[in-house]
Protein backbone atom coordinates (compact mmCIF):
# COMPACT_ATOMS: atom_id res chain seq x y z
CA UNK A 1 -175.61 110.83 55.42
CA UNK A 2 -176.93 107.45 54.32
CA UNK A 3 -180.48 108.61 54.54
CA UNK A 4 -179.75 111.62 52.43
CA UNK A 5 -178.26 109.49 49.54
CA UNK A 6 -181.28 107.10 49.50
CA UNK A 7 -183.76 107.68 46.62
CA UNK A 8 -187.04 109.36 47.61
CA UNK A 9 -189.78 106.78 48.28
CA UNK A 10 -192.21 108.77 46.13
CA UNK A 11 -190.12 108.33 42.95
CA UNK A 12 -189.87 104.59 43.62
CA UNK A 13 -193.63 104.38 43.94
CA UNK A 14 -193.92 106.24 40.56
CA UNK A 15 -191.57 103.88 38.90
CA UNK A 16 -193.46 100.88 40.31
CA UNK A 17 -196.71 102.55 39.16
CA UNK A 18 -195.54 102.70 35.60
CA UNK A 19 -195.35 98.92 35.42
CA UNK A 20 -198.69 97.64 34.11
CA UNK A 21 -200.33 94.89 36.09
CA UNK A 22 -201.99 91.84 34.56
CA UNK A 23 -205.38 93.43 34.38
CA UNK A 24 -204.07 96.34 32.33
CA UNK A 25 -202.12 94.00 30.05
CA UNK A 26 -205.29 91.98 29.46
CA UNK A 27 -207.23 95.19 28.68
CA UNK A 28 -204.50 96.48 26.40
CA UNK A 29 -204.32 93.33 24.33
CA UNK A 30 -208.01 92.44 24.68
CA UNK A 31 -208.60 92.13 20.95
CA UNK A 32 -205.72 89.66 20.55
CA UNK A 33 -207.11 87.54 23.33
CA UNK A 34 -210.58 87.65 21.82
CA UNK A 35 -209.18 86.39 18.63
CA UNK A 36 -207.80 83.41 20.51
CA UNK A 37 -211.27 82.31 21.65
CA UNK A 38 -212.35 80.55 18.40
CA UNK A 39 -209.16 78.53 18.23
CA UNK A 40 -209.25 77.63 21.82
CA UNK A 41 -212.95 76.64 21.51
CA UNK A 42 -212.10 74.43 18.62
CA UNK A 43 -209.46 72.47 20.35
CA UNK A 44 -211.52 72.23 23.50
CA UNK A 45 -214.62 70.93 21.76
CA UNK A 46 -213.07 68.73 19.11
CA UNK A 47 -209.79 67.65 20.61
CA UNK A 48 -209.96 67.58 24.44
CA UNK A 49 -213.64 66.85 25.21
CA UNK A 50 -213.65 63.70 22.96
CA UNK A 51 -210.72 62.33 24.98
CA UNK A 52 -213.25 61.13 27.47
CA UNK A 53 -214.08 58.44 25.03
CA UNK A 54 -210.61 56.87 25.33
CA UNK A 55 -211.83 55.17 28.45
CA UNK A 56 -213.72 52.60 26.35
CA UNK A 57 -210.37 51.14 25.34
CA UNK A 58 -210.36 49.67 28.89
CA UNK A 59 -213.96 48.53 28.71
CA UNK A 60 -216.08 46.04 26.82
CA UNK A 61 -218.12 49.03 25.63
CA UNK A 62 -221.78 48.60 24.86
CA UNK A 63 -223.41 51.69 23.43
CA UNK A 64 -226.77 51.01 25.16
CA UNK A 65 -225.04 50.82 28.57
CA UNK A 66 -222.85 53.94 28.00
CA UNK A 67 -219.56 54.73 29.66
CA UNK A 68 -220.74 54.07 33.23
CA UNK A 69 -222.65 50.89 32.55
CA UNK A 70 -219.97 49.11 30.43
CA UNK A 71 -217.68 46.51 32.08
CA UNK A 72 -214.12 47.41 32.79
CA UNK A 73 -211.62 44.86 31.35
CA UNK A 74 -208.24 46.59 31.92
CA UNK A 75 -205.66 45.95 29.21
CA UNK A 76 -207.53 43.17 27.53
CA UNK A 77 -207.88 44.86 24.20
CA UNK A 78 -204.25 45.92 24.15
CA UNK A 79 -203.15 42.36 24.80
CA UNK A 80 -205.43 41.13 21.98
CA UNK A 81 -203.95 43.76 19.69
CA UNK A 82 -200.22 42.99 20.35
CA UNK A 83 -200.71 39.19 20.40
CA UNK A 84 -203.20 39.07 17.50
CA UNK A 85 -202.44 37.83 13.99
CA UNK A 86 -202.97 41.25 12.39
CA UNK A 87 -200.57 43.41 14.48
CA UNK A 88 -197.36 42.29 12.63
CA UNK A 89 -198.81 42.83 9.26
CA UNK A 90 -200.29 46.25 10.13
CA UNK A 91 -197.08 47.43 11.76
CA UNK A 92 -194.97 46.28 8.85
CA UNK A 93 -197.26 47.95 6.22
CA UNK A 94 -197.50 51.17 8.24
CA UNK A 95 -193.75 51.39 8.90
CA UNK A 96 -192.93 50.57 5.30
CA UNK A 97 -195.07 53.47 4.04
CA UNK A 98 -193.63 55.67 6.78
CA UNK A 99 -190.08 54.85 5.61
CA UNK A 100 -191.01 55.68 2.03
CA UNK A 101 -192.47 59.01 3.21
CA UNK A 102 -189.25 59.82 4.98
CA UNK A 103 -187.01 58.97 2.04
CA UNK A 104 -189.11 60.49 -0.78
CA UNK A 105 -191.87 62.72 0.49
CA UNK A 106 -190.00 64.67 3.21
CA UNK A 107 -187.08 65.99 1.17
CA UNK A 108 -189.11 66.69 -1.93
CA UNK A 109 -190.48 70.08 -0.85
CA UNK A 110 -187.03 71.10 0.31
CA UNK A 111 -185.57 70.34 -3.10
CA UNK A 112 -188.36 72.15 -4.86
CA UNK A 113 -188.11 75.16 -2.72
CA UNK A 114 -184.34 75.38 -3.26
CA UNK A 115 -184.87 75.02 -7.03
CA UNK A 116 -187.54 77.77 -6.93
CA UNK A 117 -185.25 79.96 -4.93
CA UNK A 118 -182.57 79.76 -7.67
CA UNK A 119 -184.97 80.98 -10.34
CA UNK A 120 -184.35 84.64 -11.24
CA UNK A 121 -187.24 85.11 -13.65
CA UNK A 122 -190.12 86.15 -11.41
CA UNK A 123 -192.84 85.38 -13.95
CA UNK A 124 -191.59 81.80 -14.43
CA UNK A 125 -191.10 81.39 -10.68
CA UNK A 126 -194.65 82.47 -9.75
CA UNK A 127 -196.16 80.42 -12.59
CA UNK A 128 -194.45 77.23 -11.39
CA UNK A 129 -195.46 78.04 -7.80
CA UNK A 130 -199.14 78.42 -8.78
CA UNK A 131 -199.10 75.17 -10.82
CA UNK A 132 -197.60 72.98 -8.01
CA UNK A 133 -199.95 74.52 -5.37
CA UNK A 134 -203.10 73.44 -7.24
CA UNK A 135 -203.08 69.75 -6.34
CA UNK A 136 -203.27 70.58 -2.68
CA UNK A 137 -206.82 71.84 -3.11
CA UNK A 138 -208.09 68.62 -4.67
CA UNK A 139 -209.78 66.03 -2.46
CA UNK A 140 -208.22 62.56 -2.16
CA UNK A 141 -211.42 61.31 -3.99
CA UNK A 142 -210.44 63.23 -7.03
CA UNK A 143 -206.81 62.14 -6.81
CA UNK A 144 -207.86 58.49 -6.55
CA UNK A 145 -210.23 58.91 -9.47
CA UNK A 146 -207.51 60.42 -11.58
CA UNK A 147 -205.18 57.53 -10.59
CA UNK A 148 -207.74 54.95 -11.76
CA UNK A 149 -208.20 56.83 -15.02
CA UNK A 150 -204.41 56.77 -15.58
CA UNK A 151 -203.40 53.35 -14.36
CA UNK A 152 -206.46 51.11 -14.70
CA UNK A 153 -205.92 48.03 -16.94
CA UNK A 154 -209.11 48.64 -18.92
CA UNK A 155 -209.02 52.40 -19.67
CA UNK A 156 -205.89 53.72 -18.05
CA UNK A 157 -204.08 56.22 -20.30
CA UNK A 158 -200.65 55.73 -18.85
CA UNK A 159 -201.11 52.02 -18.40
CA UNK A 160 -201.93 51.83 -22.15
CA UNK A 161 -198.83 53.84 -23.13
CA UNK A 162 -196.60 51.75 -20.93
CA UNK A 163 -198.05 48.53 -22.46
CA UNK A 164 -197.48 49.90 -26.00
CA UNK A 165 -193.85 50.64 -25.18
CA UNK A 166 -192.92 47.59 -23.19
CA UNK A 167 -195.36 45.10 -24.66
CA UNK A 168 -196.19 41.80 -22.92
CA UNK A 169 -199.24 41.23 -20.79
CA UNK A 170 -201.27 44.23 -19.52
CA UNK A 171 -200.68 45.13 -15.86
CA UNK A 172 -203.45 46.35 -13.62
CA UNK A 173 -201.41 48.76 -11.56
CA UNK A 174 -204.12 49.74 -9.14
CA UNK A 175 -204.85 46.12 -8.20
CA UNK A 176 -201.35 44.63 -7.86
CA UNK A 177 -200.00 44.62 -4.26
CA UNK A 178 -196.48 45.32 -5.42
CA UNK A 179 -197.62 48.60 -7.10
CA UNK A 180 -199.77 49.93 -4.20
CA UNK A 181 -196.87 51.62 -2.30
CA UNK A 182 -195.36 53.33 -5.40
CA UNK A 183 -198.71 54.67 -6.38
CA UNK A 184 -199.41 56.03 -2.82
CA UNK A 185 -196.06 57.74 -2.75
CA UNK A 186 -196.56 59.26 -6.20
CA UNK A 187 -200.02 60.57 -5.11
CA UNK A 188 -198.57 62.05 -1.94
CA UNK A 189 -195.72 63.71 -3.77
CA UNK A 190 -198.06 65.20 -6.44
CA UNK A 191 -200.60 66.50 -3.88
CA UNK A 192 -198.51 67.76 -0.96
CA UNK A 193 -195.12 68.81 -2.27
CA UNK A 194 -196.11 72.07 -3.73
CA UNK A 195 -198.06 73.25 -0.72
CA UNK A 196 -195.31 72.33 1.74
CA UNK A 197 -192.75 74.37 -0.18
CA UNK A 198 -194.47 77.47 1.12
CA UNK A 199 -192.83 76.85 4.52
CA UNK A 200 -189.46 76.42 3.14
CA UNK A 201 -189.75 79.42 0.75
CA UNK A 202 -190.73 81.56 3.70
CA UNK A 203 -187.61 80.43 5.51
CA UNK A 204 -185.50 81.05 2.48
CA UNK A 205 -186.85 84.58 2.25
CA UNK A 206 -185.46 85.27 5.66
CA UNK A 207 -181.85 84.42 4.74
CA UNK A 208 -179.54 87.43 4.99
CA UNK A 209 -178.38 88.40 1.46
CA UNK A 210 -175.13 89.71 2.90
CA UNK A 211 -174.13 86.11 3.56
CA UNK A 212 -174.35 85.42 -0.19
CA UNK A 213 -172.35 88.47 -1.02
CA UNK A 214 -169.58 87.48 1.42
CA UNK A 215 -169.59 83.98 -0.01
CA UNK A 216 -169.27 85.30 -3.54
CA UNK A 217 -166.33 87.52 -2.49
CA UNK A 218 -164.67 84.39 -1.14
CA UNK A 219 -165.06 82.76 -4.51
CA UNK A 220 -168.04 80.46 -3.66
CA UNK A 221 -170.17 79.36 -6.69
CA UNK A 222 -173.84 78.60 -6.58
CA UNK A 223 -173.35 75.09 -5.26
CA UNK A 224 -171.03 76.25 -2.50
CA UNK A 225 -173.50 79.03 -1.56
CA UNK A 226 -176.34 76.48 -1.49
CA UNK A 227 -174.38 74.08 0.77
CA UNK A 228 -172.70 76.58 3.12
CA UNK A 229 -175.24 79.36 3.26
CA UNK A 230 -178.75 78.31 2.26
CA UNK A 231 -179.01 74.93 3.86
CA UNK A 232 -177.58 75.99 7.24
CA UNK A 233 -180.00 78.97 7.20
CA UNK A 234 -183.07 76.83 6.81
CA UNK A 235 -181.79 73.99 9.04
CA UNK A 236 -183.97 75.00 12.03
CA UNK A 237 -187.06 74.84 9.85
CA UNK A 238 -186.09 71.40 8.49
CA UNK A 239 -185.51 70.09 12.04
CA UNK A 240 -188.90 71.37 13.23
CA UNK A 241 -190.70 69.88 10.21
CA UNK A 242 -188.80 66.58 10.83
CA UNK A 243 -189.98 66.44 14.50
CA UNK A 244 -193.54 67.18 13.47
CA UNK A 245 -193.37 64.48 10.82
CA UNK A 246 -192.05 61.96 13.31
CA UNK A 247 -195.26 62.25 15.35
CA UNK A 248 -197.21 61.25 12.29
CA UNK A 249 -195.17 58.18 11.26
CA UNK A 250 -197.95 55.76 12.18
CA UNK A 251 -200.66 58.11 10.98
CA UNK A 252 -201.33 57.45 7.29
CA UNK A 253 -203.89 59.31 5.24
CA UNK A 254 -207.03 57.26 5.85
CA UNK A 255 -208.99 58.62 2.97
CA UNK A 256 -206.20 58.08 0.55
CA UNK A 257 -205.40 54.48 1.62
CA UNK A 258 -209.04 53.54 1.87
CA UNK A 259 -209.83 54.77 -1.66
CA UNK A 260 -206.94 52.88 -3.15
CA UNK A 261 -207.61 49.61 -1.32
CA UNK A 262 -209.30 46.70 -2.92
CA UNK A 263 -209.58 42.98 -2.41
CA UNK A 264 -206.50 42.21 -4.49
CA UNK A 265 -204.06 44.63 -2.75
CA UNK A 266 -205.45 44.44 0.83
CA UNK A 267 -202.55 42.38 2.10
CA UNK A 268 -200.26 45.41 1.31
CA UNK A 269 -202.75 48.24 1.82
CA UNK A 270 -203.95 47.45 5.34
CA UNK A 271 -202.59 49.95 7.86
CA UNK A 272 -203.72 50.96 11.38
CA UNK A 273 -206.01 53.73 10.10
CA UNK A 274 -208.00 51.47 7.74
CA UNK A 275 -207.95 48.68 10.34
CA UNK A 276 -209.57 50.92 12.93
CA UNK A 277 -212.32 51.85 10.52
CA UNK A 278 -212.87 48.18 9.45
CA UNK A 279 -212.93 46.79 13.02
CA UNK A 280 -214.64 49.77 14.73
CA UNK A 281 -217.34 50.71 12.25
CA UNK A 282 -217.93 47.63 10.13
CA UNK A 283 -217.62 45.04 12.91
CA UNK A 284 -218.79 47.23 15.84
CA UNK A 285 -215.69 46.45 17.97
CA UNK A 286 -215.56 49.92 19.40
CA UNK A 287 -213.34 49.17 22.37
CA UNK A 288 -210.74 47.25 20.26
CA UNK A 289 -210.59 49.97 17.67
CA UNK A 290 -210.19 52.62 20.37
CA UNK A 291 -207.28 50.60 21.83
CA UNK A 292 -205.62 50.67 18.40
CA UNK A 293 -206.09 54.37 18.12
CA UNK A 294 -204.81 55.00 21.59
CA UNK A 295 -201.73 52.92 20.84
CA UNK A 296 -201.06 55.08 17.78
CA UNK A 297 -201.54 58.31 19.75
CA UNK A 298 -199.17 57.25 22.50
CA UNK A 299 -196.60 56.05 19.97
CA UNK A 300 -196.85 59.46 18.21
CA UNK A 301 -196.24 61.38 21.40
CA UNK A 302 -193.19 59.25 22.27
CA UNK A 303 -191.81 59.72 18.73
CA UNK A 304 -192.16 63.48 18.99
CA UNK A 305 -190.41 63.59 22.39
CA UNK A 306 -187.69 61.22 21.19
CA UNK A 307 -187.01 63.10 17.96
CA UNK A 308 -186.95 66.46 19.80
CA UNK A 309 -184.49 64.99 22.31
CA UNK A 310 -182.29 63.62 19.50
CA UNK A 311 -182.42 66.98 17.73
CA UNK A 312 -181.08 68.72 20.87
CA UNK A 313 -178.40 66.07 21.29
CA UNK A 314 -177.27 66.81 17.78
CA UNK A 315 -176.93 70.49 18.60
CA UNK A 316 -180.17 71.77 17.06
CA UNK A 317 -182.85 73.93 18.90
CA UNK A 318 -185.63 71.33 18.77
CA UNK A 319 -189.34 72.02 18.95
CA UNK A 320 -189.63 72.68 22.75
């Protein structure tokens, strides 16, 4: 009787035959896999292959001797970095700018996206979006040139207006160390805020409108809807963006900082990125500059894992 109730082996074979194997899956989605090749080739050639050069951080690298002929010195350059006179100043300047980015730059696109989401006139909304997107497509060279035109002591338009209103002695804003950080943050806000709002606007577009209707039926006004519906809905996106930003805390925009640096504000403007260029390219200390860059990279990885762990501890999904 037991053998009569068992399913026929032929049908089981047919069911198993309907499950596609790996080769069939690859062939079925072959065009998707082919489209992956340019991206994978980019990361392989420009991201992973150059990692071989990290070994010179542990060598006294001489270009004529190459990787194999240069002398291995272990952690000598890292010791010189951490015990040198420049490390404290570079760390302070970099972390100060990172803190200002967290306080002012990170929440700015969230606020702008929430404000745009509240606009009900589509023409006005699209016009504002287009205007705030434009600065993203300008290079830092143009942004720095505009800054000098506006704030230079000799021909700065805004500097002249400020002097006419406040009076007193003229101030060269682009040369004073105390004005370097505010100018950098203003540049970053103007150039990046509009473009980053795209991510948050996309997240806001996915919010279920029935939640707003339910909130209105419960008597919630616009502010209550914003606080109890909109922000919780985009919280996962905010957490992911915060984790990604944490990995770049020590990574300032080299081009922006370098273009705004001069002999008068160098004490405030020097960060790890510009220091690597100055030491590695101008002075030819390739091994020492690589050690600084490797320190930054390791610190960024640790910050990403730490912020991801913290996000999970606080009940969020995290990045991975």
